């Protein structure tokens, strides 16, 4: 019985360590970081790297994406 308790405690310890480090090392999404920077009235250009700015611009473009299904592009019979 003692051996089962030891193994169970080892397993729980490993699971807690994995969850802790996964939370600690996970990156915040670029949108959330940009919102914090804007709320603090800082410059995105000075704070973000070039790759992060490119990723944020792709995010903004995806929000404003327009479809190509315009009524003007549909052929009438």
C-alpha atoms as a PDB file:
ATOM      1  CA  UNK A   1       0.000   0.000   0.000  1.00  0.00           C
ATOM      2  CA  UNK A   2       2.866   2.338   0.823  1.00  0.00           C
ATOM      3  CA  UNK A   3       4.394   1.678  -2.582  1.00  0.00           C
ATOM      4  CA  UNK A   4       1.141   2.601  -4.328  1.00  0.00           C
ATOM      5  CA  UNK A   5       0.990   5.868  -2.373  1.00  0.00           C
ATOM      6  CA  UNK A   6       4.600   6.691  -3.284  1.00  0.00           C
ATOM      7  CA  UNK A   7       3.999   6.056  -6.969  1.00  0.00           C
ATOM      8  CA  UNK A   8       0.772   8.053  -6.909  1.00  0.00           C
ATOM      9  CA  UNK A   9       2.509  10.975  -5.226  1.00  0.00           C
ATOM     10  CA  UNK A  10       5.314  10.839  -7.815  1.00  0.00           C
ATOM     11  CA  UNK A  11       2.776  10.844 -10.623  1.00  0.00           C
ATOM     12  CA  UNK A  12       0.877  13.781  -9.152  1.00  0.00           C
ATOM     13  CA  UNK A  13       4.104  15.709  -8.619  1.00  0.00           C
ATOM     14  CA  UNK A  14       5.153  15.186 -12.220  1.00  0.00           C
ATOM     15  CA  UNK A  15       1.718  16.265 -13.476  1.00  0.00           C
ATOM     16  CA  UNK A  16       1.788  19.426 -11.349  1.00  0.00           C
ATOM     17  CA  UNK A  17       5.280  20.311 -12.562  1.00  0.00           C
ATOM     18  CA  UNK A  18       4.266  19.806 -16.198  1.00  0.00           C
ATOM     19  CA  UNK A  19       1.156  21.979 -15.832  1.00  0.00           C
ATOM     20  CA  UNK A  20       3.089  24.677 -13.980  1.00  0.00           C
ATOM     21  CA  UNK A  21       5.850  24.909 -16.579  1.00  0.00           C
ATOM     22  CA  UNK A  22       3.427  24.775 -19.483  1.00  0.00           C
ATOM     23  CA  UNK A  23       1.578  27.766 -18.047  1.00  0.00           C
ATOM     24  CA  UNK A  24       4.805  29.548 -17.191  1.00  0.00           C
ATOM     25  CA  UNK A  25       6.433  29.040 -20.586  1.00  0.00           C
ATOM     26  CA  UNK A  26       3.394  29.520 -22.815  1.00  0.00           C
ATOM     27  CA  UNK A  27       3.455  32.639 -24.945  1.00  0.00           C
ATOM     28  CA  UNK A  28       0.732  35.202 -24.915  1.00  0.00           C
ATOM     29  CA  UNK A  29      -1.062  35.709 -28.243  1.00  0.00           C
ATOM     30  CA  UNK A  30       0.166  38.659 -30.272  1.00  0.00           C
ATOM     31  CA  UNK A  31      -3.295  40.260 -30.153  1.00  0.00           C
ATOM     32  CA  UNK A  32      -3.317  40.318 -26.352  1.00  0.00           C
ATOM     33  CA  UNK A  33       0.201  41.741 -26.206  1.00  0.00           C
ATOM     34  CA  UNK A  34      -0.707  44.443 -28.722  1.00  0.00           C
ATOM     35  CA  UNK A  35      -3.818  45.382 -26.748  1.00  0.00           C
ATOM     36  CA  UNK A  36      -1.756  45.786 -23.568  1.00  0.00           C
ATOM     37  CA  UNK A  37       0.779  47.951 -25.393  1.00  0.00           C
ATOM     38  CA  UNK A  38      -1.960  50.140 -26.865  1.00  0.00           C
ATOM     39  CA  UNK A  39      -3.679  50.473 -23.470  1.00  0.00           C
ATOM     40  CA  UNK A  40      -0.385  51.655 -21.955  1.00  0.00           C
ATOM     41  CA  UNK A  41      -0.081  54.160 -24.823  1.00  0.00           C
ATOM     42  CA  UNK A  42       3.250  52.763 -25.979  1.00  0.00           C
ATOM     43  CA  UNK A  43       4.495  52.396 -29.533  1.00  0.00           C
ATOM     44  CA  UNK A  44       3.987  49.078 -31.305  1.00  0.00           C
ATOM     45  CA  UNK A  45       6.928  49.904 -33.541  1.00  0.00           C
ATOM     46  CA  UNK A  46       9.347  50.284 -30.637  1.00  0.00           C
ATOM     47  CA  UNK A  47       8.012  47.334 -28.633  1.00  0.00           C
ATOM     48  CA  UNK A  48       7.483  44.614 -31.253  1.00  0.00           C
ATOM     49  CA  UNK A  49      10.116  42.991 -33.400  1.00  0.00           C
ATOM     50  CA  UNK A  50       9.654  43.032 -37.163  1.00  0.00           C
ATOM     51  CA  UNK A  51       8.274  39.479 -37.165  1.00  0.00           C
ATOM     52  CA  UNK A  52       5.788  40.326 -34.426  1.00  0.00           C
ATOM     53  CA  UNK A  53       4.629  43.419 -36.304  1.00  0.00           C
ATOM     54  CA  UNK A  54       4.162  41.336 -39.455  1.00  0.00           C
ATOM     55  CA  UNK A  55       2.165  38.757 -37.512  1.00  0.00           C
ATOM     56  CA  UNK A  56      -0.002  41.490 -35.974  1.00  0.00           C
ATOM     57  CA  UNK A  57      -0.637  43.059 -39.375  1.00  0.00           C
ATOM     58  CA  UNK A  58      -1.735  39.676 -40.741  1.00  0.00           C
ATOM     59  CA  UNK A  59      -4.109  39.399 -37.793  1.00  0.00           C
ATOM     60  CA  UNK A  60      -5.559  42.857 -38.489  1.00  0.00           C
ATOM     61  CA  UNK A  61      -5.945  42.067 -42.176  1.00  0.00           C
ATOM     62  CA  UNK A  62      -7.791  38.864 -41.330  1.00  0.00           C
ATOM     63  CA  UNK A  63     -10.240  40.888 -39.219  1.00  0.00           C
ATOM     64  CA  UNK A  64     -10.933  43.262 -42.096  1.00  0.00           C
ATOM     65  CA  UNK A  65     -10.924  40.619 -44.818  1.00  0.00           C
ATOM     66  CA  UNK A  66     -13.467  41.142 -47.522  1.00  0.00           C
ATOM     67  CA  UNK A  67     -14.893  38.345 -49.548  1.00  0.00           C
ATOM     68  CA  UNK A  68     -14.639  38.238 -53.320  1.00  0.00           C
ATOM     69  CA  UNK A  69     -18.346  37.422 -53.606  1.00  0.00           C
ATOM     70  CA  UNK A  70     -19.310  40.904 -54.654  1.00  0.00           C
ATOM     71  CA  UNK A  71     -22.585  41.415 -56.492  1.00  0.00           C
ATOM     72  CA  UNK A  72     -20.618  43.155 -59.228  1.00  0.00           C
ATOM     73  CA  UNK A  73     -18.490  40.111 -59.986  1.00  0.00           C
ATOM     74  CA  UNK A  74     -21.469  37.763 -60.484  1.00  0.00           C
ATOM     75  CA  UNK A  75     -22.389  37.357 -64.135  1.00  0.00           C
ATOM     76  CA  UNK A  76     -25.991  37.865 -65.028  1.00  0.00           C
ATOM     77  CA  UNK A  77     -27.654  35.536 -67.547  1.00  0.00           C
END
